[in-house]
Amino acid sequence: MSGFRLFHNPLCSKSRAALAIVEAHQACGRDIDVVHYLDTPPDADTIRMLISTFDGPSRDLVRRDRPLAAMGITSEQLDDTEVILKVLLTTPELLQRPLLSDGSRTVIGRPTEHIAEMLDG
């Protein structure tokens, strides 16, 4: 993976704020790909990369919304990366947002300063 990828949901206010930061950096020549992950869900290899490069517990990559309970998945099961993989492959809207990754590091953009810090770093 070259450059950065922002996993973006335009319906989310934090994701839109992260996109504004990314667009400002793109205007300065940064190579940043914006992925509308609900339209183009990440594949298994991409999810594994996000899990392995995330700056925190991988369980935090999954939103704890009602669909998780409807799937019969408990919070405790999110300690298993294969469960996280299954959840995010079948229900991409549960992917935490916004996410910024350069392939070696991934951060959640809440607060959005995390996005700016990573791009400026």
PDB file of N, CA and C in Angstrom:
ATOM      1  N   MET A   1       0.849  -1.177   0.000  1.00  0.00           N
ATOM      2  CA  MET A   1       0.000   0.000   0.000  1.00  0.00           C
ATOM      3  C   MET A   1       0.887   1.231   0.000  1.00  0.00           C
ATOM      4  N   SER A   2       0.649   2.126  -0.936  1.00  0.00           N
ATOM      5  CA  SER A   2       1.423   3.364  -0.941  1.00  0.00           C
ATOM      6  C   SER A   2       0.532   4.504  -0.488  1.00  0.00           C
ATOM      7  N   GLY A   3       1.079   5.410   0.251  1.00  0.00           N
ATOM      8  CA  GLY A   3       0.303   6.541   0.733  1.00  0.00           C
ATOM      9  C   GLY A   3      -0.646   6.159   1.841  1.00  0.00           C
ATOM     10  N   PHE A   4      -1.633   7.004   2.024  1.00  0.00           N
ATOM     11  CA  PHE A   4      -2.611   6.836   3.090  1.00  0.00           C
ATOM     12  C   PHE A   4      -3.956   6.453   2.503  1.00  0.00           C
ATOM     13  N   ARG A   5      -4.767   5.775   3.342  1.00  0.00           N
ATOM     14  CA  ARG A   5      -6.157   5.482   2.996  1.00  0.00           C
ATOM     15  C   ARG A   5      -7.038   5.928   4.153  1.00  0.00           C
ATOM     16  N   LEU A   6      -8.038   6.739   3.828  1.00  0.00           N
ATOM     17  CA  LEU A   6      -9.055   7.129   4.798  1.00  0.00           C
ATOM     18  C   LEU A   6     -10.288   6.287   4.525  1.00  0.00           C
ATOM     19  N   PHE A   7     -10.709   5.524   5.533  1.00  0.00           N
ATOM     20  CA  PHE A   7     -11.939   4.745   5.436  1.00  0.00           C
ATOM     21  C   PHE A   7     -13.049   5.655   5.942  1.00  0.00           C
ATOM     22  N   HIS A   8     -13.898   6.079   4.999  1.00  0.00           N
ATOM     23  CA  HIS A   8     -14.810   7.198   5.200  1.00  0.00           C
ATOM     24  C   HIS A   8     -16.268   6.790   5.022  1.00  0.00           C
ATOM     25  N   ASN A   9     -17.115   7.319   5.908  1.00  0.00           N
ATOM     26  CA  ASN A   9     -18.558   7.178   5.797  1.00  0.00           C
ATOM     27  C   ASN A   9     -19.133   8.586   5.748  1.00  0.00           C
ATOM     28  N   PRO A  10     -19.634   9.021   4.587  1.00  0.00           N
ATOM     29  CA  PRO A  10     -20.105  10.398   4.449  1.00  0.00           C
ATOM     30  C   PRO A  10     -21.309  10.729   5.328  1.00  0.00           C
ATOM     31  N   LEU A  11     -21.961   9.740   5.908  1.00  0.00           N
ATOM     32  CA  LEU A  11     -23.098   9.996   6.786  1.00  0.00           C
ATOM     33  C   LEU A  11     -22.672  10.336   8.219  1.00  0.00           C
ATOM     34  N   CYS A  12     -21.402  10.172   8.510  1.00  0.00           N
ATOM     35  CA  CYS A  12     -20.871  10.384   9.863  1.00  0.00           C
ATOM     36  C   CYS A  12     -20.200  11.756   9.950  1.00  0.00           C
ATOM     37  N   SER A  13     -20.579  12.560  10.937  1.00  0.00           N
ATOM     38  CA  SER A  13     -20.016  13.908  11.066  1.00  0.00           C
ATOM     39  C   SER A  13     -18.516  13.878  11.359  1.00  0.00           C
ATOM     40  N   LYS A  14     -18.058  12.946  12.176  1.00  0.00           N
ATOM     41  CA  LYS A  14     -16.615  12.848  12.459  1.00  0.00           C
ATOM     42  C   LYS A  14     -15.851  12.433  11.207  1.00  0.00           C
ATOM     43  N   SER A  15     -16.451  11.570  10.418  1.00  0.00           N
ATOM     44  CA  SER A  15     -15.806  11.141   9.183  1.00  0.00           C
ATOM     45  C   SER A  15     -15.741  12.301   8.188  1.00  0.00           C
ATOM     46  N   ARG A  16     -16.789  13.113   8.126  1.00  0.00           N
ATOM     47  CA  ARG A  16     -16.756  14.289   7.253  1.00  0.00           C
ATOM     48  C   ARG A  16     -15.700  15.286   7.722  1.00  0.00           C
ATOM     49  N   ALA A  17     -15.537  15.443   9.039  1.00  0.00           N
ATOM     50  CA  ALA A  17     -14.501  16.332   9.563  1.00  0.00           C
ATOM     51  C   ALA A  17     -13.110  15.794   9.222  1.00  0.00           C
ATOM     52  N   ALA A  18     -12.941  14.478   9.305  1.00  0.00           N
ATOM     53  CA  ALA A  18     -11.656  13.868   8.932  1.00  0.00           C
ATOM     54  C   ALA A  18     -11.391  14.062   7.446  1.00  0.00           C
ATOM     55  N   LEU A  19     -12.431  13.948   6.629  1.00  0.00           N
ATOM     56  CA  LEU A  19     -12.277  14.141   5.199  1.00  0.00           C
ATOM     57  C   LEU A  19     -11.803  15.564   4.891  1.00  0.00           C
ATOM     58  N   ALA A  20     -12.299  16.549   5.627  1.00  0.00           N
ATOM     59  CA  ALA A  20     -11.856  17.932   5.416  1.00  0.00           C
ATOM     60  C   ALA A  20     -10.360  18.065   5.698  1.00  0.00           C
ATOM     61  N   ILE A  21      -9.878  17.403   6.733  1.00  0.00           N
ATOM     62  CA  ILE A  21      -8.448  17.422   7.055  1.00  0.00           C
ATOM     63  C   ILE A  21      -7.661  16.756   5.930  1.00  0.00           C
ATOM     64  N   VAL A  22      -8.150  15.611   5.466  1.00  0.00           N
ATOM     65  CA  VAL A  22      -7.491  14.883   4.374  1.00  0.00           C
ATOM     66  C   VAL A  22      -7.453  15.732   3.108  1.00  0.00           C
ATOM     67  N   GLU A  23      -8.567  16.369   2.780  1.00  0.00           N
ATOM     68  CA  GLU A  23      -8.611  17.196   1.570  1.00  0.00           C
ATOM     69  C   GLU A  23      -7.619  18.349   1.642  1.00  0.00           C
ATOM     70  N   ALA A  24      -7.436  18.927   2.821  1.00  0.00           N
ATOM     71  CA  ALA A  24      -6.441  19.994   2.976  1.00  0.00           C
ATOM     72  C   ALA A  24      -5.039  19.452   2.725  1.00  0.00           C
ATOM     73  N   HIS A  25      -4.765  18.245   3.185  1.00  0.00           N
ATOM     74  CA  HIS A  25      -3.462  17.627   2.946  1.00  0.00           C
ATOM     75  C   HIS A  25      -3.287  17.214   1.491  1.00  0.00           C
ATOM     76  N   GLN A  26      -4.380  16.764   0.852  1.00  0.00           N
ATOM     77  CA  GLN A  26      -4.313  16.416  -0.570  1.00  0.00           C
ATOM     78  C   GLN A  26      -3.985  17.659  -1.398  1.00  0.00           C
ATOM     79  N   ALA A  27      -4.537  18.796  -1.003  1.00  0.00           N
ATOM     80  CA  ALA A  27      -4.273  20.042  -1.724  1.00  0.00           C
ATOM     81  C   ALA A  27      -2.801  20.424  -1.646  1.00  0.00           C
ATOM     82  N   CYS A  28      -2.125  19.931  -0.617  1.00  0.00           N
ATOM     83  CA  CYS A  28      -0.688  20.195  -0.456  1.00  0.00           C
ATOM     84  C   CYS A  28       0.154  19.088  -1.078  1.00  0.00           C
ATOM     85  N   GLY A  29      -0.478  18.184  -1.824  1.00  0.00           N
ATOM     86  CA  GLY A  29       0.277  17.169  -2.549  1.00  0.00           C
ATOM     87  C   GLY A  29       0.383  15.809  -1.892  1.00  0.00           C
ATOM     88  N   ARG A  30      -0.300  15.579  -0.756  1.00  0.00           N
ATOM     89  CA  ARG A  30      -0.240  14.265  -0.111  1.00  0.00           C
ATOM     90  C   ARG A  30      -1.041  13.242  -0.896  1.00  0.00           C
ATOM     91  N   ASP A  31      -0.533  12.021  -0.962  1.00  0.00           N
ATOM     92  CA  ASP A  31      -1.199  10.912  -1.633  1.00  0.00           C
ATOM     93  C   ASP A  31      -2.113  10.223  -0.619  1.00  0.00           C
ATOM     94  N   ILE A  32      -3.410  10.519  -0.707  1.00  0.00           N
ATOM     95  CA  ILE A  32      -4.378   9.962   0.238  1.00  0.00           C
ATOM     96  C   ILE A  32      -5.581   9.465  -0.543  1.00  0.00           C
ATOM     97  N   ASP A  33      -5.852   8.182  -0.416  1.00  0.00           N
ATOM     98  CA  ASP A  33      -6.992   7.561  -1.081  1.00  0.00           C
ATOM     99  C   ASP A  33      -8.170   7.578  -0.111  1.00  0.00           C
ATOM    100  N   VAL A  34      -9.318   8.049  -0.567  1.00  0.00           N
ATOM    101  CA  VAL A  34     -10.522   8.052   0.256  1.00  0.00           C
ATOM    102  C   VAL A  34     -11.377   6.863  -0.160  1.00  0.00           C
ATOM    103  N   VAL A  35     -11.623   5.969   0.795  1.00  0.00           N
ATOM    104  CA  VAL A  35     -12.390   4.751   0.547  1.00  0.00           C
ATOM    105  C   VAL A  35     -13.754   4.901   1.206  1.00  0.00           C
ATOM    106  N   HIS A  36     -14.794   4.921   0.398  1.00  0.00           N
ATOM    107  CA  HIS A  36     -16.167   4.908   0.916  1.00  0.00           C
ATOM    108  C   HIS A  36     -16.486   3.445   1.221  1.00  0.00           C
ATOM    109  N   TYR A  37     -16.167   3.038   2.442  1.00  0.00           N
ATOM    110  CA  TYR A  37     -16.152   1.607   2.754  1.00  0.00           C
ATOM    111  C   TYR A  37     -17.533   0.954   2.768  1.00  0.00           C
ATOM    112  N   LEU A  38     -18.604   1.740   2.806  1.00  0.00           N
ATOM    113  CA  LEU A  38     -19.926   1.120   2.698  1.00  0.00           C
ATOM    114  C   LEU A  38     -20.249   0.789   1.242  1.00  0.00           C
ATOM    115  N   ASP A  39     -19.693   1.561   0.309  1.00  0.00           N
ATOM    116  CA  ASP A  39     -19.863   1.277  -1.118  1.00  0.00           C
ATOM    117  C   ASP A  39     -18.867   0.230  -1.608  1.00  0.00           C
ATOM    118  N   THR A  40     -17.660   0.279  -1.050  1.00  0.00           N
ATOM    119  CA  THR A  40     -16.597  -0.651  -1.417  1.00  0.00           C
ATOM    120  C   THR A  40     -16.033  -1.247  -0.123  1.00  0.00           C
ATOM    121  N   PRO A  41     -16.721  -2.262   0.418  1.00  0.00           N
ATOM    122  CA  PRO A  41     -16.283  -2.823   1.702  1.00  0.00           C
ATOM    123  C   PRO A  41     -14.873  -3.408   1.612  1.00  0.00           C
ATOM    124  N   PRO A  42     -14.118  -3.283   2.695  1.00  0.00           N
ATOM    125  CA  PRO A  42     -12.776  -3.867   2.707  1.00  0.00           C
ATOM    126  C   PRO A  42     -12.836  -5.389   2.645  1.00  0.00           C
ATOM    127  N   ASP A  43     -11.856  -5.961   1.955  1.00  0.00           N
ATOM    128  CA  ASP A  43     -11.775  -7.416   1.876  1.00  0.00           C
ATOM    129  C   ASP A  43     -11.044  -7.953   3.115  1.00  0.00           C
ATOM    130  N   ALA A  44     -10.933  -9.263   3.180  1.00  0.00           N
ATOM    131  CA  ALA A  44     -10.328  -9.906   4.355  1.00  0.00           C
ATOM    132  C   ALA A  44      -8.885  -9.447   4.570  1.00  0.00           C
ATOM    133  N   ASP A  45      -8.107  -9.334   3.503  1.00  0.00           N
ATOM    134  CA  ASP A  45      -6.712  -8.902   3.662  1.00  0.00           C
ATOM    135  C   ASP A  45      -6.629  -7.479   4.198  1.00  0.00           C
ATOM    136  N   THR A  46      -7.515  -6.606   3.744  1.00  0.00           N
ATOM    137  CA  THR A  46      -7.507  -5.228   4.228  1.00  0.00           C
ATOM    138  C   THR A  46      -7.903  -5.175   5.695  1.00  0.00           C
ATOM    139  N   ILE A  47      -8.912  -5.943   6.077  1.00  0.00           N
ATOM    140  CA  ILE A  47      -9.325  -5.962   7.484  1.00  0.00           C
ATOM    141  C   ILE A  47      -8.203  -6.516   8.355  1.00  0.00           C
ATOM    142  N   ARG A  48      -7.535  -7.553   7.903  1.00  0.00           N
ATOM    143  CA  ARG A  48      -6.399  -8.091   8.668  1.00  0.00           C
ATOM    144  C   ARG A  48      -5.302  -7.040   8.825  1.00  0.00           C
ATOM    145  N   MET A  49      -5.051  -6.270   7.763  1.00  0.00           N
ATOM    146  CA  MET A  49      -4.043  -5.203   7.845  1.00  0.00           C
ATOM    147  C   MET A  49      -4.471  -4.160   8.873  1.00  0.00           C
ATOM    148  N   LEU A  50      -5.745  -3.757   8.848  1.00  0.00           N
ATOM    149  CA  LEU A  50      -6.228  -2.770   9.815  1.00  0.00           C
ATOM    150  C   LEU A  50      -6.067  -3.288  11.240  1.00  0.00           C
ATOM    151  N   ILE A  51      -6.409  -4.550  11.466  1.00  0.00           N
ATOM    152  CA  ILE A  51      -6.288  -5.150  12.799  1.00  0.00           C
ATOM    153  C   ILE A  51      -4.825  -5.168  13.239  1.00  0.00           C
ATOM    154  N   SER A  52      -3.941  -5.589  12.356  1.00  0.00           N
ATOM    155  CA  SER A  52      -2.535  -5.759  12.751  1.00  0.00           C
ATOM    156  C   SER A  52      -1.799  -4.432  12.927  1.00  0.00           C
ATOM    157  N   THR A  53      -2.308  -3.355  12.336  1.00  0.00           N
ATOM    158  CA  THR A  53      -1.605  -2.075  12.418  1.00  0.00           C
ATOM    159  C   THR A  53      -2.310  -1.059  13.310  1.00  0.00           C
ATOM    160  N   PHE A  54      -3.415  -1.460  13.923  1.00  0.00           N
ATOM    161  CA  PHE A  54      -4.202  -0.535  14.732  1.00  0.00           C
ATOM    162  C   PHE A  54      -3.481  -0.162  16.022  1.00  0.00           C
ATOM    163  N   ASP A  55      -3.565   1.121  16.385  1.00  0.00           N
ATOM    164  CA  ASP A  55      -2.920   1.667  17.587  1.00  0.00           C
ATOM    165  C   ASP A  55      -3.737   1.432  18.855  1.00  0.00           C
ATOM    166  N   GLY A  56      -4.288   0.290  19.024  1.00  0.00           N
ATOM    167  CA  GLY A  56      -5.087   0.006  20.215  1.00  0.00           C
ATOM    168  C   GLY A  56      -5.613  -1.407  20.141  1.00  0.00           C
ATOM    169  N   PRO A  57      -6.497  -1.755  21.089  1.00  0.00           N
ATOM    170  CA  PRO A  57      -7.079  -3.098  21.038  1.00  0.00           C
ATOM    171  C   PRO A  57      -7.911  -3.264  19.767  1.00  0.00           C
ATOM    172  N   SER A  58      -7.717  -4.360  19.059  1.00  0.00           N
ATOM    173  CA  SER A  58      -8.399  -4.551  17.781  1.00  0.00           C
ATOM    174  C   SER A  58      -9.916  -4.546  17.932  1.00  0.00           C
ATOM    175  N   ARG A  59     -10.420  -4.893  19.088  1.00  0.00           N
ATOM    176  CA  ARG A  59     -11.863  -4.865  19.344  1.00  0.00           C
ATOM    177  C   ARG A  59     -12.440  -3.469  19.137  1.00  0.00           C
ATOM    178  N   ASP A  60     -11.595  -2.432  19.309  1.00  0.00           N
ATOM    179  CA  ASP A  60     -12.067  -1.059  19.142  1.00  0.00           C
ATOM    180  C   ASP A  60     -12.336  -0.693  17.686  1.00  0.00           C
ATOM    181  N   LEU A  61     -11.954  -1.551  16.754  1.00  0.00           N
ATOM    182  CA  LEU A  61     -12.257  -1.316  15.342  1.00  0.00           C
ATOM    183  C   LEU A  61     -13.716  -1.618  15.012  1.00  0.00           C
ATOM    184  N   VAL A  62     -14.428  -2.242  15.956  1.00  0.00           N
ATOM    185  CA  VAL A  62     -15.817  -2.640  15.733  1.00  0.00           C
ATOM    186  C   VAL A  62     -16.736  -1.750  16.564  1.00  0.00           C
ATOM    187  N   ARG A  63     -17.715  -1.155  15.882  1.00  0.00           N
ATOM    188  CA  ARG A  63     -18.744  -0.381  16.584  1.00  0.00           C
ATOM    189  C   ARG A  63     -19.627  -1.342  17.362  1.00  0.00           C
ATOM    190  N   ARG A  64     -20.054  -0.946  18.523  1.00  0.00           N
ATOM    191  CA  ARG A  64     -20.889  -1.798  19.382  1.00  0.00           C
ATOM    192  C   ARG A  64     -22.370  -1.456  19.196  1.00  0.00           C
ATOM    193  N   ASP A  65     -22.844  -1.538  17.970  1.00  0.00           N
ATOM    194  CA  ASP A  65     -24.225  -1.207  17.650  1.00  0.00           C
ATOM    195  C   ASP A  65     -25.131  -2.433  17.747  1.00  0.00           C
ATOM    196  N   ARG A  66     -26.432  -2.196  17.595  1.00  0.00           N
ATOM    197  CA  ARG A  66     -27.421  -3.272  17.681  1.00  0.00           C
ATOM    198  C   ARG A  66     -27.147  -4.435  16.730  1.00  0.00           C
ATOM    199  N   PRO A  67     -26.668  -4.199  15.496  1.00  0.00           N
ATOM    200  CA  PRO A  67     -26.441  -5.362  14.621  1.00  0.00           C
ATOM    201  C   PRO A  67     -25.472  -6.388  15.221  1.00  0.00           C
ATOM    202  N   LEU A  68     -24.556  -5.931  16.048  1.00  0.00           N
ATOM    203  CA  LEU A  68     -23.616  -6.852  16.687  1.00  0.00           C
ATOM    204  C   LEU A  68     -24.379  -7.830  17.582  1.00  0.00           C
ATOM    205  N   ALA A  69     -25.285  -7.311  18.388  1.00  0.00           N
ATOM    206  CA  ALA A  69     -26.090  -8.171  19.261  1.00  0.00           C
ATOM    207  C   ALA A  69     -26.995  -9.077  18.432  1.00  0.00           C
ATOM    208  N   ALA A  70     -27.541  -8.544  17.338  1.00  0.00           N
ATOM    209  CA  ALA A  70     -28.415  -9.348  16.483  1.00  0.00           C
ATOM    210  C   ALA A  70     -27.663 -10.506  15.846  1.00  0.00           C
ATOM    211  N   MET A  71     -26.347 -10.337  15.675  1.00  0.00           N
ATOM    212  CA  MET A  71     -25.519 -11.411  15.125  1.00  0.00           C
ATOM    213  C   MET A  71     -25.163 -12.447  16.184  1.00  0.00           C
ATOM    214  N   GLY A  72     -25.532 -12.173  17.436  1.00  0.00           N
ATOM    215  CA  GLY A  72     -25.203 -13.091  18.522  1.00  0.00           C
ATOM    216  C   GLY A  72     -23.761 -12.967  18.973  1.00  0.00           C
ATOM    217  N   ILE A  73     -23.129 -11.818  18.697  1.00  0.00           N
ATOM    218  CA  ILE A  73     -21.735 -11.589  19.059  1.00  0.00           C
ATOM    219  C   ILE A  73     -21.693 -10.742  20.331  1.00  0.00           C
ATOM    220  N   THR A  74     -20.953 -11.216  21.313  1.00  0.00           N
ATOM    221  CA  THR A  74     -20.776 -10.462  22.561  1.00  0.00           C
ATOM    222  C   THR A  74     -19.476  -9.664  22.492  1.00  0.00           C
ATOM    223  N   SER A  75     -19.374  -8.665  23.337  1.00  0.00           N
ATOM    224  CA  SER A  75     -18.146  -7.861  23.395  1.00  0.00           C
ATOM    225  C   SER A  75     -16.934  -8.731  23.695  1.00  0.00           C
ATOM    226  N   GLU A  76     -17.097  -9.732  24.539  1.00  0.00           N
ATOM    227  CA  GLU A  76     -15.977 -10.605  24.897  1.00  0.00           C
ATOM    228  C   GLU A  76     -15.444 -11.364  23.688  1.00  0.00           C
ATOM    229  N   GLN A  77     -16.319 -11.703  22.749  1.00  0.00           N
ATOM    230  CA  GLN A  77     -15.890 -12.434  21.561  1.00  0.00           C
ATOM    231  C   GLN A  77     -15.027 -11.578  20.637  1.00  0.00           C
ATOM    232  N   LEU A  78     -15.076 -10.257  20.822  1.00  0.00           N
ATOM    233  CA  LEU A  78     -14.286  -9.369  19.969  1.00  0.00           C
ATOM    234  C   LEU A  78     -12.799  -9.378  20.327  1.00  0.00           C
ATOM    235  N   ASP A  79     -12.420 -10.191  21.299  1.00  0.00           N
ATOM    236  CA  ASP A  79     -10.998 -10.375  21.578  1.00  0.00           C
ATOM    237  C   ASP A  79     -10.362 -11.326  20.562  1.00  0.00           C
ATOM    238  N   ASP A  80     -11.181 -12.008  19.791  1.00  0.00           N
ATOM    239  CA  ASP A  80     -10.729 -12.965  18.777  1.00  0.00           C
ATOM    240  C   ASP A  80     -10.713 -12.261  17.420  1.00  0.00           C
ATOM    241  N   THR A  81      -9.529 -12.163  16.800  1.00  0.00           N
ATOM    242  CA  THR A  81      -9.430 -11.447  15.525  1.00  0.00           C
ATOM    243  C   THR A  81     -10.251 -12.111  14.422  1.00  0.00           C
ATOM    244  N   GLU A  82     -10.443 -13.412  14.496  1.00  0.00           N
ATOM    245  CA  GLU A  82     -11.269 -14.080  13.480  1.00  0.00           C
ATOM    246  C   GLU A  82     -12.735 -13.675  13.617  1.00  0.00           C
ATOM    247  N   VAL A  83     -13.183 -13.420  14.836  1.00  0.00           N
ATOM    248  CA  VAL A  83     -14.553 -12.937  15.045  1.00  0.00           C
ATOM    249  C   VAL A  83     -14.675 -11.525  14.474  1.00  0.00           C
ATOM    250  N   ILE A  84     -13.674 -10.678  14.743  1.00  0.00           N
ATOM    251  CA  ILE A  84     -13.678  -9.318  14.195  1.00  0.00           C
ATOM    252  C   ILE A  84     -13.723  -9.377  12.676  1.00  0.00           C
ATOM    253  N   LEU A  85     -12.916 -10.224  12.096  1.00  0.00           N
ATOM    254  CA  LEU A  85     -12.882 -10.383  10.644  1.00  0.00           C
ATOM    255  C   LEU A  85     -14.265 -10.774  10.117  1.00  0.00           C
ATOM    256  N   LYS A  86     -14.880 -11.769  10.736  1.00  0.00           N
ATOM    257  CA  LYS A  86     -16.207 -12.230  10.316  1.00  0.00           C
ATOM    258  C   LYS A  86     -17.228 -11.104  10.422  1.00  0.00           C
ATOM    259  N   VAL A  87     -17.223 -10.386  11.536  1.00  0.00           N
ATOM    260  CA  VAL A  87     -18.185  -9.301  11.751  1.00  0.00           C
ATOM    261  C   VAL A  87     -18.030  -8.231  10.675  1.00  0.00           C
ATOM    262  N   LEU A  88     -16.792  -7.797  10.429  1.00  0.00           N
ATOM    263  CA  LEU A  88     -16.572  -6.701   9.491  1.00  0.00           C
ATOM    264  C   LEU A  88     -16.771  -7.111   8.032  1.00  0.00           C
ATOM    265  N   LEU A  89     -16.545  -8.374   7.726  1.00  0.00           N
ATOM    266  CA  LEU A  89     -16.820  -8.848   6.367  1.00  0.00           C
ATOM    267  C   LEU A  89     -18.321  -8.928   6.096  1.00  0.00           C
ATOM    268  N   THR A  90     -19.081  -9.338   7.100  1.00  0.00           N
ATOM    269  CA  THR A  90     -20.524  -9.508   6.895  1.00  0.00           C
ATOM    270  C   THR A  90     -21.316  -8.224   7.148  1.00  0.00           C
ATOM    271  N   THR A  91     -20.776  -7.335   7.977  1.00  0.00           N
ATOM    272  CA  THR A  91     -21.502  -6.113   8.334  1.00  0.00           C
ATOM    273  C   THR A  91     -20.514  -4.940   8.340  1.00  0.00           C
ATOM    274  N   PRO A  92     -20.105  -4.455   7.155  1.00  0.00           N
ATOM    275  CA  PRO A  92     -19.076  -3.408   7.092  1.00  0.00           C
ATOM    276  C   PRO A  92     -19.474  -2.112   7.800  1.00  0.00           C
ATOM    277  N   GLU A  93     -20.773  -1.876   7.988  1.00  0.00           N
ATOM    278  CA  GLU A  93     -21.173  -0.656   8.686  1.00  0.00           C
ATOM    279  C   GLU A  93     -20.747  -0.658  10.154  1.00  0.00           C
ATOM    280  N   LEU A  94     -20.309  -1.795  10.659  1.00  0.00           N
ATOM    281  CA  LEU A  94     -19.805  -1.853  12.030  1.00  0.00           C
ATOM    282  C   LEU A  94     -18.329  -1.479  12.139  1.00  0.00           C
ATOM    283  N   LEU A  95     -17.684  -1.200  11.003  1.00  0.00           N
ATOM    284  CA  LEU A  95     -16.302  -0.731  11.039  1.00  0.00           C
ATOM    285  C   LEU A  95     -16.277   0.648  11.682  1.00  0.00           C
ATOM    286  N   GLN A  96     -15.423   0.802  12.657  1.00  0.00           N
ATOM    287  CA  GLN A  96     -15.270   2.091  13.325  1.00  0.00           C
ATOM    288  C   GLN A  96     -14.872   3.139  12.304  1.00  0.00           C
ATOM    289  N   ARG A  97     -15.270   4.360  12.502  1.00  0.00           N
ATOM    290  CA  ARG A  97     -14.980   5.415  11.545  1.00  0.00           C
ATOM    291  C   ARG A  97     -14.717   6.731  12.232  1.00  0.00           C
ATOM    292  N   PRO A  98     -13.991   7.561  11.547  1.00  0.00           N
ATOM    293  CA  PRO A  98     -13.171   7.313  10.365  1.00  0.00           C
ATOM    294  C   PRO A  98     -11.874   6.614  10.761  1.00  0.00           C
ATOM    295  N   LEU A  99     -11.301   5.894   9.830  1.00  0.00           N
ATOM    296  CA  LEU A  99     -10.001   5.249  10.039  1.00  0.00           C
ATOM    297  C   LEU A  99      -9.018   5.798   9.020  1.00  0.00           C
ATOM    298  N   LEU A 100      -7.787   6.025   9.455  1.00  0.00           N
ATOM    299  CA  LEU A 100      -6.710   6.407   8.548  1.00  0.00           C
ATOM    300  C   LEU A 100      -5.599   5.389   8.705  1.00  0.00           C
ATOM    301  N   SER A 101      -5.120   4.887   7.570  1.00  0.00           N
ATOM    302  CA  SER A 101      -4.051   3.889   7.597  1.00  0.00           C
ATOM    303  C   SER A 101      -3.024   4.190   6.526  1.00  0.00           C
ATOM    304  N   ASP A 102      -1.769   3.886   6.853  1.00  0.00           N
ATOM    305  CA  ASP A 102      -0.707   3.965   5.847  1.00  0.00           C
ATOM    306  C   ASP A 102      -0.122   2.585   5.572  1.00  0.00           C
ATOM    307  N   GLY A 103      -0.785   1.542   6.076  1.00  0.00           N
ATOM    308  CA  GLY A 103      -0.327   0.171   5.889  1.00  0.00           C
ATOM    309  C   GLY A 103       0.580  -0.325   6.988  1.00  0.00           C
ATOM    310  N   SER A 104       1.151   0.595   7.752  1.00  0.00           N
ATOM    311  CA  SER A 104       1.978   0.190   8.885  1.00  0.00           C
ATOM    312  C   SER A 104       1.415   0.724  10.213  1.00  0.00           C
ATOM    313  N   ARG A 105       0.457   1.624  10.112  1.00  0.00           N
ATOM    314  CA  ARG A 105      -0.186   2.191  11.293  1.00  0.00           C
ATOM    315  C   ARG A 105      -1.605   2.593  10.911  1.00  0.00           C
ATOM    316  N   THR A 106      -2.543   2.336  11.823  1.00  0.00           N
ATOM    317  CA  THR A 106      -3.942   2.700  11.623  1.00  0.00           C
ATOM    318  C   THR A 106      -4.448   3.389  12.874  1.00  0.00           C
ATOM    319  N   VAL A 107      -5.174   4.501  12.673  1.00  0.00           N
ATOM    320  CA  VAL A 107      -5.766   5.231  13.803  1.00  0.00           C
ATOM    321  C   VAL A 107      -7.241   5.485  13.526  1.00  0.00           C
ATOM    322  N   ILE A 108      -8.011   5.577  14.609  1.00  0.00           N
ATOM    323  CA  ILE A 108      -9.397   6.030  14.531  1.00  0.00           C
ATOM    324  C   ILE A 108      -9.364   7.546  14.652  1.00  0.00           C
ATOM    325  N   GLY A 109     -10.104   8.213  13.806  1.00  0.00           N
ATOM    326  CA  GLY A 109     -10.108   9.674  13.781  1.00  0.00           C
ATOM    327  C   GLY A 109     -11.070  10.308  14.763  1.00  0.00           C
ATOM    328  N   ARG A 110     -11.116   9.819  15.961  1.00  0.00           N
ATOM    329  CA  ARG A 110     -11.867  10.441  17.037  1.00  0.00           C
ATOM    330  C   ARG A 110     -10.977  10.483  18.251  1.00  0.00           C
ATOM    331  N   PRO A 111     -10.562  11.646  18.593  1.00  0.00           N
ATOM    332  CA  PRO A 111     -10.880  12.922  17.957  1.00  0.00           C
ATOM    333  C   PRO A 111     -10.176  13.049  16.599  1.00  0.00           C
ATOM    334  N   THR A 112     -10.659  13.978  15.789  1.00  0.00           N
ATOM    335  CA  THR A 112     -10.112  14.140  14.439  1.00  0.00           C
ATOM    336  C   THR A 112      -8.661  14.591  14.448  1.00  0.00           C
ATOM    337  N   GLU A 113      -8.190  15.081  15.571  1.00  0.00           N
ATOM    338  CA  GLU A 113      -6.786  15.463  15.675  1.00  0.00           C
ATOM    339  C   GLU A 113      -5.874  14.281  15.397  1.00  0.00           C
ATOM    340  N   HIS A 114      -6.345  13.057  15.654  1.00  0.00           N
ATOM    341  CA  HIS A 114      -5.536  11.866  15.363  1.00  0.00           C
ATOM    342  C   HIS A 114      -5.203  11.780  13.875  1.00  0.00           C
ATOM    343  N   ILE A 115      -6.159  12.196  13.026  1.00  0.00           N
ATOM    344  CA  ILE A 115      -5.931  12.183  11.577  1.00  0.00           C
ATOM    345  C   ILE A 115      -4.843  13.181  11.213  1.00  0.00           C
ATOM    346  N   ALA A 116      -4.981  14.406  11.720  1.00  0.00           N
ATOM    347  CA  ALA A 116      -3.993  15.455  11.424  1.00  0.00           C
ATOM    348  C   ALA A 116      -2.615  15.072  11.944  1.00  0.00           C
ATOM    349  N   GLU A 117      -2.556  14.522  13.152  1.00  0.00           N
ATOM    350  CA  GLU A 117      -1.282  14.124  13.739  1.00  0.00           C
ATOM    351  C   GLU A 117      -0.586  13.071  12.884  1.00  0.00           C
ATOM    352  N   MET A 118      -1.341  12.108  12.408  1.00  0.00           N
ATOM    353  CA  MET A 118      -0.733  11.053  11.604  1.00  0.00           C
ATOM    354  C   MET A 118      -0.261  11.602  10.252  1.00  0.00           C
ATOM    355  N   LEU A 119      -1.060  12.446   9.648  1.00  0.00           N
ATOM    356  CA  LEU A 119      -0.659  13.027   8.359  1.00  0.00           C
ATOM    357  C   LEU A 119       0.518  13.978   8.494  1.00  0.00           C
ATOM    358  N   ASP A 120       0.589  14.665   9.616  1.00  0.00           N
ATOM    359  CA  ASP A 120       1.688  15.638   9.826  1.00  0.00           C
ATOM    360  C   ASP A 120       2.942  14.962  10.360  1.00  0.00           C
ATOM    361  N   GLY A 121       2.763  13.767  10.934  1.00  0.00           N
ATOM    362  CA  GLY A 121       3.857  13.074  11.593  1.00  0.00           C
ATOM    363  C   GLY A 121       4.935  12.694  10.695  1.00  0.00           C
TER     364      GLY A 121
END
